[in-house]
Amino acid sequence: MVLPINPIQGATGFAFGRVFEFSPNTLSIPVTLQLPSTGEKFTLPVDPLVSISHKNKIVAKSVAKYSPKLRGTIKEKWSMDDWTIRIAGMMISDEANCVEDYVLRLRRFVEADEAIMIICPYINDTYDITRMVIESCDFPHTPGEENQQFSISAISDDERINLLV
């Protein structure tokens, strides 16, 4: 699910009118990453787009067909898979930080060897996701010296599951 953004009105009422209240000055849903080990936080700048998807792990079994009217496989729901989280955006130099500073800060989270806490009311409240493990991050060539695009691909990490193992 990609969050629809209207730069004049913030997130559209179509998507969130009944769930969240936004100020007309809001351009996006803030996404903050936090390292549990150090407490270091980084709020992603400039309108990150959040996409969340989910799938189930299904086991399908083929059986011998004794009738021409039977087709397909027998499906058995095996388990619910992790949520896939994709975050994409742009880092732009401002008065406080140049683009290199933003990239270096984001790299500390991407290279962390632990699950990252994600602080975002939309993700936390709607999907009950509070932690994620970053699988990959992409910093594609971006024209101009004052900006850098990025995309993060991560999967949810449920702390309750880790306690069972």
Protein backbone atom coordinates (compact mmCIF):
# COMPACT_ATOMS: atom_id res chain seq x y z
CA MET A 1 0.00 0.00 0.00
CA VAL A 2 1.47 3.35 -1.05
CA LEU A 3 0.42 6.34 1.00
CA PRO A 4 -1.21 8.94 -1.27
CA ILE A 5 0.18 12.42 -0.63
CA ASN A 6 -1.35 15.73 -1.61
CA PRO A 7 1.33 18.44 -1.15
CA ILE A 8 -1.28 21.09 -0.38
CA GLN A 9 -3.53 19.15 2.01
CA GLY A 10 -1.14 16.50 3.38
CA ALA A 11 -2.22 12.89 3.31
CA THR A 12 -5.53 12.58 1.56
CA GLY A 13 -8.71 12.18 3.56
CA PHE A 14 -9.55 9.34 1.20
CA ALA A 15 -6.75 7.27 2.71
CA PHE A 16 -6.76 8.38 6.33
CA GLY A 17 -9.79 10.54 7.01
CA ARG A 18 -11.18 8.20 9.64
CA VAL A 19 -7.90 6.98 11.11
CA PHE A 20 -5.65 10.01 11.60
CA GLU A 21 -6.04 13.75 11.75
CA PHE A 22 -3.52 15.74 9.78
CA SER A 23 -2.62 19.40 9.78
CA PRO A 24 -2.88 21.09 6.36
CA ASN A 25 0.86 21.79 6.75
CA THR A 26 1.66 18.08 7.03
CA LEU A 27 3.30 16.76 3.89
CA SER A 28 3.80 13.17 4.99
CA ILE A 29 3.64 10.71 7.79
CA PRO A 30 6.85 11.04 9.82
CA VAL A 31 8.98 7.91 9.99
CA THR A 32 11.63 7.72 12.70
CA LEU A 33 14.16 4.91 13.01
CA GLN A 34 15.75 4.07 16.37
CA LEU A 35 18.64 1.80 17.29
CA PRO A 36 17.62 -0.14 20.42
CA SER A 37 21.22 -0.61 21.58
CA THR A 38 22.15 3.08 21.62
CA GLY A 39 18.81 4.88 21.48
CA GLU A 40 20.03 6.89 18.47
CA LYS A 41 17.11 8.21 16.38
CA PHE A 42 16.87 9.39 12.79
CA THR A 43 13.72 10.89 11.30
CA LEU A 44 13.60 10.33 7.56
CA PRO A 45 13.42 13.71 5.83
CA VAL A 46 11.19 14.98 3.05
CA ASP A 47 8.10 12.89 2.42
CA PRO A 48 9.11 9.25 2.63
CA LEU A 49 6.68 6.99 0.81
CA VAL A 50 5.74 3.89 2.79
CA SER A 51 4.57 0.69 1.15
CA ILE A 52 3.54 -2.32 3.23
CA SER A 53 2.68 -5.75 1.89
CA HIS A 54 1.95 -9.15 3.31
CA LYS A 55 1.66 -12.75 2.23
CA ASN A 56 0.92 -16.10 3.77
CA LYS A 57 3.12 -19.17 3.57
CA ILE A 58 1.01 -21.77 1.78
CA VAL A 59 1.78 -25.44 1.30
CA ALA A 60 0.10 -26.92 -1.78
CA LYS A 61 -0.11 -30.66 -2.23
CA SER A 62 -0.80 -32.48 -5.46
CA VAL A 63 -3.02 -35.52 -5.21
CA ALA A 64 -3.81 -38.31 -7.62
CA LYS A 65 -6.96 -37.41 -9.54
CA TYR A 66 -9.64 -40.04 -9.70
CA SER A 67 -12.12 -37.82 -11.52
CA PRO A 68 -11.70 -35.53 -14.53
CA LYS A 69 -13.77 -32.89 -12.69
CA LEU A 70 -11.14 -32.51 -9.96
CA ARG A 71 -8.27 -30.14 -10.65
CA GLY A 72 -5.65 -28.14 -8.83
CA THR A 73 -4.01 -28.80 -5.50
CA ILE A 74 -5.00 -29.09 -1.88
CA LYS A 75 -3.95 -25.94 -0.06
CA GLU A 76 -3.01 -25.78 3.55
CA LYS A 77 -2.30 -22.46 5.29
CA TRP A 78 1.05 -23.03 6.89
CA SER A 79 1.82 -19.71 8.57
CA MET A 80 1.59 -15.97 8.27
CA ASP A 81 4.75 -14.48 6.77
CA ASP A 82 6.45 -11.26 7.89
CA TRP A 83 5.23 -7.91 6.64
CA THR A 84 7.35 -6.40 3.87
CA ILE A 85 8.09 -2.71 4.38
CA ARG A 86 9.41 -0.46 1.64
CA ILE A 87 10.34 3.12 2.41
CA ALA A 88 11.48 5.48 -0.33
CA GLY A 89 12.26 9.14 -0.29
CA MET A 90 14.64 11.96 -0.94
CA MET A 91 17.25 13.50 1.32
CA ILE A 92 17.85 17.17 0.54
CA SER A 93 20.50 19.42 2.03
CA ASP A 94 19.09 22.04 4.39
CA GLU A 95 20.36 24.58 6.91
CA ALA A 96 21.14 21.88 9.48
CA ASN A 97 22.57 19.03 7.38
CA CYS A 98 24.11 18.44 4.00
CA VAL A 99 23.04 15.40 2.00
CA GLU A 100 26.24 13.54 2.95
CA ASP A 101 25.33 13.90 6.65
CA TYR A 102 21.89 12.39 6.00
CA VAL A 103 23.39 9.50 4.02
CA LEU A 104 25.96 8.75 6.74
CA ARG A 105 23.25 8.78 9.43
CA LEU A 106 20.98 6.48 7.42
CA ARG A 107 23.90 4.12 6.75
CA ARG A 108 24.34 3.58 10.51
CA PHE A 109 20.80 2.15 10.60
CA VAL A 110 21.14 0.14 7.39
CA GLU A 111 24.39 -1.43 8.56
CA ALA A 112 23.16 -2.18 12.10
CA ASP A 113 23.30 -5.81 13.16
CA GLU A 114 20.05 -5.63 15.09
CA ALA A 115 16.35 -5.08 14.50
CA ILE A 116 15.56 -1.39 14.10
CA MET A 117 12.68 0.19 15.97
CA ILE A 118 10.33 2.04 13.63
CA ILE A 119 8.33 4.89 15.08
CA CYS A 120 5.42 5.88 12.86
CA PRO A 121 1.80 6.10 14.07
CA TYR A 122 0.49 4.73 10.79
CA ILE A 123 2.74 1.65 10.79
CA ASN A 124 2.64 1.08 14.57
CA ASP A 125 -1.11 1.44 15.06
CA THR A 126 -2.48 0.08 11.79
CA TYR A 127 -0.19 -2.91 11.28
CA ASP A 128 1.15 -3.45 14.82
CA ILE A 129 4.72 -3.24 13.48
CA THR A 130 7.27 -1.72 15.85
CA ARG A 131 10.49 -3.35 14.69
CA MET A 132 12.00 -4.18 11.33
CA VAL A 133 15.11 -5.79 9.93
CA ILE A 134 16.55 -3.98 6.93
CA GLU A 135 17.26 -6.36 4.06
CA SER A 136 18.57 -3.83 1.57
CA CYS A 137 18.97 -0.15 0.89
CA ASP A 138 19.45 1.55 -2.44
CA PHE A 139 21.02 4.97 -3.06
CA PRO A 140 20.50 5.43 -6.82
CA HIS A 141 22.26 8.10 -8.81
CA THR A 142 20.35 11.31 -8.24
CA PRO A 143 20.95 14.42 -10.37
CA GLY A 144 22.24 17.37 -8.40
CA GLU A 145 24.64 17.68 -5.47
CA GLU A 146 22.05 18.77 -2.92
CA ASN A 147 19.80 15.70 -2.97
CA GLN A 148 19.94 11.93 -2.82
CA GLN A 149 17.15 9.42 -3.37
CA PHE A 150 16.98 6.32 -1.20
CA SER A 151 14.85 3.22 -0.84
CA ILE A 152 14.80 0.76 2.03
CA SER A 153 13.46 -2.78 1.85
CA ALA A 154 12.78 -4.40 5.24
CA ILE A 155 10.74 -7.10 6.91
CA SER A 156 8.88 -6.85 10.19
CA ASP A 157 10.44 -8.38 13.27
CA ASP A 158 8.07 -9.47 16.00
CA GLU A 159 9.79 -9.31 19.38
CA ARG A 160 7.28 -11.82 20.78
CA ILE A 161 8.45 -14.49 18.29
CA ASN A 162 12.10 -13.95 19.22
CA LEU A 163 11.25 -14.65 22.85
CA LEU A 164 9.84 -18.08 21.91
CA VAL A 165 12.99 -19.23 20.13
